[in-house]
C-alpha atoms as a PDB file:
ATOM      1  CA  UNK A   1      54.387 -27.241  86.212  1.00  0.00           C
ATOM      2  CA  UNK A   2      51.586 -27.555  88.762  1.00  0.00           C
ATOM      3  CA  UNK A   3      53.667 -30.086  90.696  1.00  0.00           C
ATOM      4  CA  UNK A   4      56.629 -27.698  90.697  1.00  0.00           C
ATOM      5  CA  UNK A   5      54.623 -24.793  92.152  1.00  0.00           C
ATOM      6  CA  UNK A   6      53.022 -27.155  94.690  1.00  0.00           C
ATOM      7  CA  UNK A   7      56.527 -28.207  95.745  1.00  0.00           C
ATOM      8  CA  UNK A   8      57.570 -24.579  96.251  1.00  0.00           C
ATOM      9  CA  UNK A   9      54.421 -23.937  98.273  1.00  0.00           C
ATOM     10  CA  UNK A  10      55.213 -26.987 100.396  1.00  0.00           C
ATOM     11  CA  UNK A  11      58.609 -25.488 101.255  1.00  0.00           C
ATOM     12  CA  UNK A  12      56.730 -22.484 102.654  1.00  0.00           C
ATOM     13  CA  UNK A  13      54.228 -24.669 104.543  1.00  0.00           C
ATOM     14  CA  UNK A  14      57.077 -26.657 106.067  1.00  0.00           C
ATOM     15  CA  UNK A  15      58.841 -23.404 106.926  1.00  0.00           C
ATOM     16  CA  UNK A  16      62.001 -24.623 105.213  1.00  0.00           C
ATOM     17  CA  UNK A  17      63.805 -21.337 105.604  1.00  0.00           C
ATOM     18  CA  UNK A  18      67.143 -22.747 104.466  1.00  0.00           C
ATOM     19  CA  UNK A  19      65.707 -23.920 101.144  1.00  0.00           C
ATOM     20  CA  UNK A  20      63.847 -20.656 100.594  1.00  0.00           C
ATOM     21  CA  UNK A  21      66.981 -18.665 101.442  1.00  0.00           C
ATOM     22  CA  UNK A  22      68.996 -20.614  98.869  1.00  0.00           C
ATOM     23  CA  UNK A  23      66.324 -20.086  96.246  1.00  0.00           C
ATOM     24  CA  UNK A  24      66.185 -16.352  97.042  1.00  0.00           C
ATOM     25  CA  UNK A  25      69.969 -16.174  96.883  1.00  0.00           C
ATOM     26  CA  UNK A  26      69.847 -17.788  93.445  1.00  0.00           C
ATOM     27  CA  UNK A  27      68.423 -14.497  92.160  1.00  0.00           C
ATOM     28  CA  UNK A  28      71.928 -13.036  92.547  1.00  0.00           C
ATOM     29  CA  UNK A  29      73.106 -15.354  89.767  1.00  0.00           C
ATOM     30  CA  UNK A  30      72.034 -16.079  86.241  1.00  0.00           C
ATOM     31  CA  UNK A  31      69.018 -18.416  86.439  1.00  0.00           C
ATOM     32  CA  UNK A  32      70.192 -22.006  86.670  1.00  0.00           C
ATOM     33  CA  UNK A  33      73.775 -21.235  87.675  1.00  0.00           C
ATOM     34  CA  UNK A  34      73.589 -21.230  91.485  1.00  0.00           C
ATOM     35  CA  UNK A  35      74.538 -24.803  92.383  1.00  0.00           C
ATOM     36  CA  UNK A  36      73.018 -24.638  95.877  1.00  0.00           C
ATOM     37  CA  UNK A  37      69.573 -24.311  94.278  1.00  0.00           C
ATOM     38  CA  UNK A  38      70.038 -27.460  92.188  1.00  0.00           C
ATOM     39  CA  UNK A  39      68.786 -29.875  94.902  1.00  0.00           C
ATOM     40  CA  UNK A  40      65.427 -28.125  94.910  1.00  0.00           C
ATOM     41  CA  UNK A  41      64.837 -27.590  91.207  1.00  0.00           C
ATOM     42  CA  UNK A  42      66.756 -30.022  89.006  1.00  0.00           C
ATOM     43  CA  UNK A  43      64.285 -32.896  89.515  1.00  0.00           C
ATOM     44  CA  UNK A  44      61.635 -30.753  87.804  1.00  0.00           C
ATOM     45  CA  UNK A  45      63.798 -29.819  84.833  1.00  0.00           C
ATOM     46  CA  UNK A  46      64.833 -33.251  83.543  1.00  0.00           C
ATOM     47  CA  UNK A  47      64.418 -33.287  79.767  1.00  0.00           C
ATOM     48  CA  UNK A  48      63.671 -29.561  79.500  1.00  0.00           C
ATOM     49  CA  UNK A  49      65.471 -27.266  77.098  1.00  0.00           C
ATOM     50  CA  UNK A  50      68.146 -25.019  78.648  1.00  0.00           C
ATOM     51  CA  UNK A  51      65.870 -22.008  78.122  1.00  0.00           C
ATOM     52  CA  UNK A  52      62.931 -23.605  79.904  1.00  0.00           C
ATOM     53  CA  UNK A  53      65.220 -24.844  82.700  1.00  0.00           C
ATOM     54  CA  UNK A  54      66.326 -21.246  83.280  1.00  0.00           C
ATOM     55  CA  UNK A  55      62.682 -20.223  83.698  1.00  0.00           C
ATOM     56  CA  UNK A  56      62.113 -22.814  86.411  1.00  0.00           C
ATOM     57  CA  UNK A  57      65.109 -21.464  88.327  1.00  0.00           C
ATOM     58  CA  UNK A  58      63.974 -17.883  87.840  1.00  0.00           C
ATOM     59  CA  UNK A  59      60.429 -18.571  89.025  1.00  0.00           C
ATOM     60  CA  UNK A  60      61.711 -20.555  92.028  1.00  0.00           C
ATOM     61  CA  UNK A  61      63.893 -17.638  93.123  1.00  0.00           C
ATOM     62  CA  UNK A  62      61.114 -15.117  92.613  1.00  0.00           C
ATOM     63  CA  UNK A  63      58.655 -17.335  94.467  1.00  0.00           C
ATOM     64  CA  UNK A  64      61.049 -17.636  97.422  1.00  0.00           C
ATOM     65  CA  UNK A  65      61.276 -13.841  97.510  1.00  0.00           C
ATOM     66  CA  UNK A  66      57.464 -13.457  97.543  1.00  0.00           C
ATOM     67  CA  UNK A  67      55.620 -16.738  98.211  1.00  0.00           C
ATOM     68  CA  UNK A  68      52.166 -15.190  98.427  1.00  0.00           C
ATOM     69  CA  UNK A  69      50.122 -16.947  95.753  1.00  0.00           C
ATOM     70  CA  UNK A  70      46.917 -16.184  93.877  1.00  0.00           C
ATOM     71  CA  UNK A  71      44.749 -19.114  92.836  1.00  0.00           C
ATOM     72  CA  UNK A  72      42.787 -17.232  90.164  1.00  0.00           C
ATOM     73  CA  UNK A  73      43.733 -18.911  86.852  1.00  0.00           C
ATOM     74  CA  UNK A  74      42.810 -15.754  84.939  1.00  0.00           C
ATOM     75  CA  UNK A  75      45.251 -13.621  86.945  1.00  0.00           C
ATOM     76  CA  UNK A  76      48.218 -13.016  84.659  1.00  0.00           C
ATOM     77  CA  UNK A  77      51.172 -10.756  85.383  1.00  0.00           C
ATOM     78  CA  UNK A  78      49.597  -7.788  83.588  1.00  0.00           C
ATOM     79  CA  UNK A  79      46.500  -8.004  85.788  1.00  0.00           C
ATOM     80  CA  UNK A  80      48.578  -8.373  88.946  1.00  0.00           C
ATOM     81  CA  UNK A  81      50.664  -5.344  88.029  1.00  0.00           C
ATOM     82  CA  UNK A  82      47.460  -3.416  87.337  1.00  0.00           C
ATOM     83  CA  UNK A  83      46.529  -4.040  90.986  1.00  0.00           C
ATOM     84  CA  UNK A  84      49.902  -2.634  92.035  1.00  0.00           C
ATOM     85  CA  UNK A  85      49.465   0.345  89.719  1.00  0.00           C
ATOM     86  CA  UNK A  86      46.072   1.172  91.219  1.00  0.00           C
ATOM     87  CA  UNK A  87      47.304   0.695  94.800  1.00  0.00           C
ATOM     88  CA  UNK A  88      50.057   3.190  94.051  1.00  0.00           C
ATOM     89  CA  UNK A  89      47.521   5.768  92.831  1.00  0.00           C
ATOM     90  CA  UNK A  90      48.329   5.059  89.190  1.00  0.00           C
ATOM     91  CA  UNK A  91      52.025   5.717  89.648  1.00  0.00           C
ATOM     92  CA  UNK A  92      53.773   6.550  86.359  1.00  0.00           C
ATOM     93  CA  UNK A  93      56.847   4.732  87.697  1.00  0.00           C
ATOM     94  CA  UNK A  94      54.899   1.471  87.908  1.00  0.00           C
ATOM     95  CA  UNK A  95      53.641   1.874  84.366  1.00  0.00           C
ATOM     96  CA  UNK A  96      57.204   2.612  83.167  1.00  0.00           C
ATOM     97  CA  UNK A  97      58.442  -0.552  84.877  1.00  0.00           C
ATOM     98  CA  UNK A  98      55.642  -2.536  83.243  1.00  0.00           C
ATOM     99  CA  UNK A  99      56.484  -1.164  79.790  1.00  0.00           C
ATOM    100  CA  UNK A 100      60.181  -1.899  80.376  1.00  0.00           C
ATOM    101  CA  UNK A 101      59.206  -5.475  81.206  1.00  0.00           C
ATOM    102  CA  UNK A 102      57.299  -5.758  77.937  1.00  0.00           C
ATOM    103  CA  UNK A 103      60.347  -4.488  76.032  1.00  0.00           C
ATOM    104  CA  UNK A 104      62.822  -6.705  77.895  1.00  0.00           C
ATOM    105  CA  UNK A 105      64.731  -9.373  76.055  1.00  0.00           C
ATOM    106  CA  UNK A 106      65.487 -12.742  77.631  1.00  0.00           C
ATOM    107  CA  UNK A 107      68.677 -11.449  79.235  1.00  0.00           C
ATOM    108  CA  UNK A 108      66.947  -8.435  80.814  1.00  0.00           C
ATOM    109  CA  UNK A 109      63.828 -10.307  81.916  1.00  0.00           C
ATOM    110  CA  UNK A 110      65.129 -11.627  85.281  1.00  0.00           C
ATOM    111  CA  UNK A 111      66.162  -8.180  86.473  1.00  0.00           C
ATOM    112  CA  UNK A 112      62.830  -6.601  85.544  1.00  0.00           C
ATOM    113  CA  UNK A 113      60.888  -9.416  87.205  1.00  0.00           C
ATOM    114  CA  UNK A 114      63.002  -9.161  90.381  1.00  0.00           C
ATOM    115  CA  UNK A 115      62.138  -5.485  90.723  1.00  0.00           C
ATOM    116  CA  UNK A 116      58.440  -5.978  90.022  1.00  0.00           C
ATOM    117  CA  UNK A 117      58.107  -8.944  92.374  1.00  0.00           C
ATOM    118  CA  UNK A 118      59.796  -6.859  95.069  1.00  0.00           C
ATOM    119  CA  UNK A 119      57.199  -4.143  94.564  1.00  0.00           C
ATOM    120  CA  UNK A 120      54.376  -6.684  94.706  1.00  0.00           C
ATOM    121  CA  UNK A 121      55.843  -8.149  97.893  1.00  0.00           C
ATOM    122  CA  UNK A 122      56.046  -4.700  99.493  1.00  0.00           C
ATOM    123  CA  UNK A 123      52.300  -4.247  98.882  1.00  0.00           C
ATOM    124  CA  UNK A 124      51.301  -7.801  99.765  1.00  0.00           C
ATOM    125  CA  UNK A 125      49.878  -8.434  96.300  1.00  0.00           C
ATOM    126  CA  UNK A 126      49.914 -12.182  95.466  1.00  0.00           C
ATOM    127  CA  UNK A 127      50.957 -13.674  92.135  1.00  0.00           C
ATOM    128  CA  UNK A 128      49.615 -16.648  90.259  1.00  0.00           C
ATOM    129  CA  UNK A 129      52.960 -18.451  90.076  1.00  0.00           C
ATOM    130  CA  UNK A 130      51.771 -21.279  87.868  1.00  0.00           C
ATOM    131  CA  UNK A 131      50.331 -18.824  85.354  1.00  0.00           C
ATOM    132  CA  UNK A 132      53.542 -16.768  85.432  1.00  0.00           C
ATOM    133  CA  UNK A 133      55.623 -19.832  84.613  1.00  0.00           C
ATOM    134  CA  UNK A 134      53.196 -20.839  81.854  1.00  0.00           C
ATOM    135  CA  UNK A 135      53.329 -17.338  80.374  1.00  0.00           C
ATOM    136  CA  UNK A 136      57.127 -17.205  80.522  1.00  0.00           C
ATOM    137  CA  UNK A 137      57.337 -20.539  78.721  1.00  0.00           C
ATOM    138  CA  UNK A 138      54.796 -19.380  76.124  1.00  0.00           C
ATOM    139  CA  UNK A 139      56.778 -16.128  75.785  1.00  0.00           C
ATOM    140  CA  UNK A 140      59.721 -18.152  74.420  1.00  0.00           C
ATOM    141  CA  UNK A 141      57.621 -19.264  71.461  1.00  0.00           C
ATOM    142  CA  UNK A 142      55.206 -16.380  70.980  1.00  0.00           C
ATOM    143  CA  UNK A 143      56.599 -13.259  72.607  1.00  0.00           C
ATOM    144  CA  UNK A 144      54.090 -10.926  70.985  1.00  0.00           C
ATOM    145  CA  UNK A 145      51.068 -12.913  72.174  1.00  0.00           C
ATOM    146  CA  UNK A 146      52.241 -12.854  75.805  1.00  0.00           C
ATOM    147  CA  UNK A 147      53.090  -9.159  75.618  1.00  0.00           C
ATOM    148  CA  UNK A 148      49.638  -8.482  74.180  1.00  0.00           C
ATOM    149  CA  UNK A 149      47.861 -10.534  76.888  1.00  0.00           C
ATOM    150  CA  UNK A 150      49.773  -8.783  79.674  1.00  0.00           C
ATOM    151  CA  UNK A 151      49.189  -5.352  78.142  1.00  0.00           C
ATOM    152  CA  UNK A 152      45.474  -5.969  77.654  1.00  0.00           C
ATOM    153  CA  UNK A 153      45.140  -7.097  81.258  1.00  0.00           C
ATOM    154  CA  UNK A 154      47.090  -4.075  82.498  1.00  0.00           C
ATOM    155  CA  UNK A 155      45.275  -1.450  80.445  1.00  0.00           C
ATOM    156  CA  UNK A 156      41.742  -2.834  80.584  1.00  0.00           C
ATOM    157  CA  UNK A 157      39.608  -0.981  83.168  1.00  0.00           C
ATOM    158  CA  UNK A 158      39.310  -2.980  86.382  1.00  0.00           C
ATOM    159  CA  UNK A 159      35.509  -2.772  86.363  1.00  0.00           C
ATOM    160  CA  UNK A 160      35.416  -4.338  82.908  1.00  0.00           C
ATOM    161  CA  UNK A 161      37.689  -7.182  83.968  1.00  0.00           C
ATOM    162  CA  UNK A 162      35.710  -7.817  87.174  1.00  0.00           C
ATOM    163  CA  UNK A 163      32.479  -7.788  85.170  1.00  0.00           C
ATOM    164  CA  UNK A 164      33.899 -10.211  82.591  1.00  0.00           C
ATOM    165  CA  UNK A 165      35.137 -12.554  85.321  1.00  0.00           C
ATOM    166  CA  UNK A 166      31.754 -12.457  87.045  1.00  0.00           C
ATOM    167  CA  UNK A 167      29.951 -13.354  83.822  1.00  0.00           C
ATOM    168  CA  UNK A 168      32.375 -16.219  83.148  1.00  0.00           C
ATOM    169  CA  UNK A 169      31.814 -17.606  86.624  1.00  0.00           C
ATOM    170  CA  UNK A 170      28.013 -17.682  86.203  1.00  0.00           C
ATOM    171  CA  UNK A 171      28.086 -19.078  82.657  1.00  0.00           C
END
């Protein structure tokens, strides 16, 4: 997983606009069905289940749409969307989108993530791509746990989260 995200980041570093454009374009298709994205992703999906393979394709397309990355391992999607929510003066629309994401089934998930990543891109808010992929994989086996983690990160007061992170760093 780490190697996969590092590969995507290398495409950005090398300014491989053609590869990134193909990966972005893959978002117009069901994850894993756009053949022009295969050369960039298939090597990382050998031996994976079809469901997990789809997640690699989805994350690659989303990454290409917004390659700004966070390195904080504690930064999950709920926490990132909390940043967006606060930047938008606690917009009810952002909270509705977040709740819709939590309710989304596997078929609806790509569309919800595309919209949210677009909003994050418009505000310049980075994502922890490795953590997102980990959470999406975990979501396949324990949906409720991932929903709970994202919701707790979204609804916890920012001061409390910053304080907790500060204490963990000094411990």
